[in-house]
């Protein structure tokens, strides 16, 4: 059982991602709709894994990732985005993202990243 945070300004996107996470595993899931909420929720919820949209109004995913990694350098954040340009991918990985998934998420890919994040030792 893991604590998972889902941050996306789209309710539909959050529901779609949530549907990809196995319900029988008993994971505790918290949701938020922007980067500011992500930072605040991260510090109180202390998730094992965060799925976060890159493009959101207000504080975007890159800025939120930066702040979360300052708070917890071992944070596991998987970025979800439709922007799969090489430079974007390089940038989020430089900022410390654990992984990146293309939107809309595919169940197998989400579960693979989830398993990888939960079985890889934190560094």
C-alpha atoms as a PDB file:
ATOM      1  CA  UNK A   1       0.000   0.000   0.000  1.00  0.00           C
ATOM      2  CA  UNK A   2       1.367   3.383  -1.007  1.00  0.00           C
ATOM      3  CA  UNK A   3       0.435   7.025  -0.615  1.00  0.00           C
ATOM      4  CA  UNK A   4      -0.092   8.496  -4.082  1.00  0.00           C
ATOM      5  CA  UNK A   5      -0.722  12.097  -5.045  1.00  0.00           C
ATOM      6  CA  UNK A   6      -2.328  13.100  -8.360  1.00  0.00           C
ATOM      7  CA  UNK A   7      -1.997  16.730  -9.451  1.00  0.00           C
ATOM      8  CA  UNK A   8      -3.734  17.959 -12.600  1.00  0.00           C
ATOM      9  CA  UNK A   9      -5.957  20.955 -13.317  1.00  0.00           C
ATOM     10  CA  UNK A  10      -8.333  18.694 -15.266  1.00  0.00           C
ATOM     11  CA  UNK A  11     -10.751  16.619 -13.206  1.00  0.00           C
ATOM     12  CA  UNK A  12     -11.201  14.290 -16.183  1.00  0.00           C
ATOM     13  CA  UNK A  13      -7.416  13.752 -16.388  1.00  0.00           C
ATOM     14  CA  UNK A  14      -7.254  13.005 -12.649  1.00  0.00           C
ATOM     15  CA  UNK A  15     -10.112  10.513 -12.948  1.00  0.00           C
ATOM     16  CA  UNK A  16      -8.492   8.895 -15.982  1.00  0.00           C
ATOM     17  CA  UNK A  17      -5.186   8.475 -14.174  1.00  0.00           C
ATOM     18  CA  UNK A  18      -6.886   7.212 -11.024  1.00  0.00           C
ATOM     19  CA  UNK A  19      -8.639   4.552 -13.126  1.00  0.00           C
ATOM     20  CA  UNK A  20      -5.192   3.242 -14.170  1.00  0.00           C
ATOM     21  CA  UNK A  21      -4.140   2.569 -10.567  1.00  0.00           C
ATOM     22  CA  UNK A  22      -5.127  -0.874  -9.241  1.00  0.00           C
ATOM     23  CA  UNK A  23      -7.968  -0.449  -6.751  1.00  0.00           C
ATOM     24  CA  UNK A  24      -7.286  -3.737  -4.968  1.00  0.00           C
ATOM     25  CA  UNK A  25      -3.808  -2.622  -3.854  1.00  0.00           C
ATOM     26  CA  UNK A  26      -5.276  -0.351  -1.165  1.00  0.00           C
ATOM     27  CA  UNK A  27      -3.312   2.748  -2.133  1.00  0.00           C
ATOM     28  CA  UNK A  28      -4.258   5.994  -0.422  1.00  0.00           C
ATOM     29  CA  UNK A  29      -4.776   8.669  -3.083  1.00  0.00           C
ATOM     30  CA  UNK A  30      -4.988  12.448  -2.645  1.00  0.00           C
ATOM     31  CA  UNK A  31      -5.702  14.863  -5.486  1.00  0.00           C
ATOM     32  CA  UNK A  32      -4.947  18.487  -6.263  1.00  0.00           C
ATOM     33  CA  UNK A  33      -5.520  20.852  -9.160  1.00  0.00           C
ATOM     34  CA  UNK A  34      -2.393  23.030  -9.385  1.00  0.00           C
ATOM     35  CA  UNK A  35       1.249  23.352  -8.456  1.00  0.00           C
ATOM     36  CA  UNK A  36       0.636  25.393  -5.302  1.00  0.00           C
ATOM     37  CA  UNK A  37      -1.706  22.720  -3.981  1.00  0.00           C
ATOM     38  CA  UNK A  38       0.887  20.079  -4.941  1.00  0.00           C
ATOM     39  CA  UNK A  39       3.558  21.670  -2.756  1.00  0.00           C
ATOM     40  CA  UNK A  40       1.233  22.174   0.208  1.00  0.00           C
ATOM     41  CA  UNK A  41      -0.236  18.677  -0.082  1.00  0.00           C
ATOM     42  CA  UNK A  42       3.206  17.101  -0.501  1.00  0.00           C
ATOM     43  CA  UNK A  43       4.435  18.532   2.801  1.00  0.00           C
ATOM     44  CA  UNK A  44       1.398  17.301   4.751  1.00  0.00           C
ATOM     45  CA  UNK A  45       0.583  14.025   2.958  1.00  0.00           C
ATOM     46  CA  UNK A  46       4.197  12.879   2.359  1.00  0.00           C
ATOM     47  CA  UNK A  47       3.330  10.684  -0.660  1.00  0.00           C
ATOM     48  CA  UNK A  48       5.430   7.768  -1.830  1.00  0.00           C
ATOM     49  CA  UNK A  49       4.720   8.816  -5.419  1.00  0.00           C
ATOM     50  CA  UNK A  50       3.306  11.871  -7.177  1.00  0.00           C
ATOM     51  CA  UNK A  51       1.807  11.987 -10.662  1.00  0.00           C
ATOM     52  CA  UNK A  52       1.794  15.605 -11.836  1.00  0.00           C
ATOM     53  CA  UNK A  53       0.661  17.429 -14.952  1.00  0.00           C
ATOM     54  CA  UNK A  54       3.223  19.718 -16.521  1.00  0.00           C
ATOM     55  CA  UNK A  55       0.938  22.448 -17.862  1.00  0.00           C
ATOM     56  CA  UNK A  56      -1.373  23.996 -15.283  1.00  0.00           C
ATOM     57  CA  UNK A  57      -2.581  27.529 -14.664  1.00  0.00           C
ATOM     58  CA  UNK A  58      -0.836  29.338 -11.830  1.00  0.00           C
ATOM     59  CA  UNK A  59       2.157  27.345 -10.678  1.00  0.00           C
ATOM     60  CA  UNK A  60       3.037  24.818 -13.389  1.00  0.00           C
ATOM     61  CA  UNK A  61       4.465  21.328 -12.997  1.00  0.00           C
ATOM     62  CA  UNK A  62       8.099  22.341 -13.524  1.00  0.00           C
ATOM     63  CA  UNK A  63       7.953  24.984 -10.789  1.00  0.00           C
ATOM     64  CA  UNK A  64       6.105  22.631  -8.420  1.00  0.00           C
ATOM     65  CA  UNK A  65       8.589  19.817  -9.144  1.00  0.00           C
ATOM     66  CA  UNK A  66      11.464  22.179  -8.319  1.00  0.00           C
ATOM     67  CA  UNK A  67       9.900  23.174  -4.984  1.00  0.00           C
ATOM     68  CA  UNK A  68       8.958  19.619  -4.040  1.00  0.00           C
ATOM     69  CA  UNK A  69      12.505  18.428  -4.763  1.00  0.00           C
ATOM     70  CA  UNK A  70      13.900  21.257  -2.588  1.00  0.00           C
ATOM     71  CA  UNK A  71      11.669  20.053   0.239  1.00  0.00           C
ATOM     72  CA  UNK A  72      12.412  16.365  -0.401  1.00  0.00           C
ATOM     73  CA  UNK A  73      15.375  15.587  -2.687  1.00  0.00           C
ATOM     74  CA  UNK A  74      14.236  11.938  -2.858  1.00  0.00           C
ATOM     75  CA  UNK A  75      10.673  12.775  -3.969  1.00  0.00           C
ATOM     76  CA  UNK A  76       9.352  10.516  -6.704  1.00  0.00           C
ATOM     77  CA  UNK A  77       7.443  12.650  -9.169  1.00  0.00           C
ATOM     78  CA  UNK A  78       6.213  11.314 -12.491  1.00  0.00           C
ATOM     79  CA  UNK A  79       5.321  14.081 -14.910  1.00  0.00           C
ATOM     80  CA  UNK A  80       2.347  13.660 -17.239  1.00  0.00           C
ATOM     81  CA  UNK A  81       2.292  15.789 -20.369  1.00  0.00           C
ATOM     82  CA  UNK A  82       1.204  15.974 -23.971  1.00  0.00           C
ATOM     83  CA  UNK A  83       4.387  17.979 -24.641  1.00  0.00           C
ATOM     84  CA  UNK A  84       6.901  15.291 -25.581  1.00  0.00           C
ATOM     85  CA  UNK A  85       9.474  17.557 -27.184  1.00  0.00           C
ATOM     86  CA  UNK A  86      13.022  16.436 -26.458  1.00  0.00           C
ATOM     87  CA  UNK A  87      13.869  19.678 -24.644  1.00  0.00           C
ATOM     88  CA  UNK A  88      10.845  19.374 -22.362  1.00  0.00           C
ATOM     89  CA  UNK A  89      11.705  15.792 -21.466  1.00  0.00           C
ATOM     90  CA  UNK A  90      15.341  16.718 -20.816  1.00  0.00           C
ATOM     91  CA  UNK A  91      14.309  19.660 -18.632  1.00  0.00           C
ATOM     92  CA  UNK A  92      11.949  17.715 -16.360  1.00  0.00           C
ATOM     93  CA  UNK A  93      14.520  14.974 -15.949  1.00  0.00           C
ATOM     94  CA  UNK A  94      17.176  17.594 -15.076  1.00  0.00           C
ATOM     95  CA  UNK A  95      14.787  18.947 -12.437  1.00  0.00           C
ATOM     96  CA  UNK A  96      14.627  15.506 -10.855  1.00  0.00           C
ATOM     97  CA  UNK A  97      11.489  13.864 -12.218  1.00  0.00           C
ATOM     98  CA  UNK A  98      11.401  10.134 -11.559  1.00  0.00           C
ATOM     99  CA  UNK A  99       9.740   9.563 -14.915  1.00  0.00           C
ATOM    100  CA  UNK A 100       7.553  11.002 -17.627  1.00  0.00           C
ATOM    101  CA  UNK A 101       4.340   9.687 -19.139  1.00  0.00           C
ATOM    102  CA  UNK A 102       2.606  10.899 -22.273  1.00  0.00           C
ATOM    103  CA  UNK A 103      -0.978  12.109 -21.910  1.00  0.00           C
ATOM    104  CA  UNK A 104      -3.477  10.643 -22.065  1.00  0.00           C
ATOM    105  CA  UNK A 105      -2.071   7.964 -19.775  1.00  0.00           C
ATOM    106  CA  UNK A 106      -2.149   4.317 -20.805  1.00  0.00           C
ATOM    107  CA  UNK A 107      -2.963   1.860 -18.022  1.00  0.00           C
ATOM    108  CA  UNK A 108       0.020  -0.440 -18.675  1.00  0.00           C
ATOM    109  CA  UNK A 109       2.461   2.490 -18.715  1.00  0.00           C
ATOM    110  CA  UNK A 110       1.022   3.968 -15.504  1.00  0.00           C
ATOM    111  CA  UNK A 111       1.214   0.620 -13.728  1.00  0.00           C
ATOM    112  CA  UNK A 112       4.773   0.042 -14.963  1.00  0.00           C
ATOM    113  CA  UNK A 113       5.894   3.450 -13.612  1.00  0.00           C
ATOM    114  CA  UNK A 114       3.991   2.867 -10.378  1.00  0.00           C
ATOM    115  CA  UNK A 115       5.663  -0.515  -9.863  1.00  0.00           C
ATOM    116  CA  UNK A 116       9.076   0.903 -10.741  1.00  0.00           C
ATOM    117  CA  UNK A 117       8.656   3.776  -8.297  1.00  0.00           C
ATOM    118  CA  UNK A 118       7.447   1.574  -5.474  1.00  0.00           C
ATOM    119  CA  UNK A 119      10.122  -1.100  -5.914  1.00  0.00           C
ATOM    120  CA  UNK A 120      13.135   1.129  -6.558  1.00  0.00           C
ATOM    121  CA  UNK A 121      15.032   2.104  -3.423  1.00  0.00           C
ATOM    122  CA  UNK A 122      15.037   5.845  -2.667  1.00  0.00           C
ATOM    123  CA  UNK A 123      18.374   7.585  -3.068  1.00  0.00           C
END
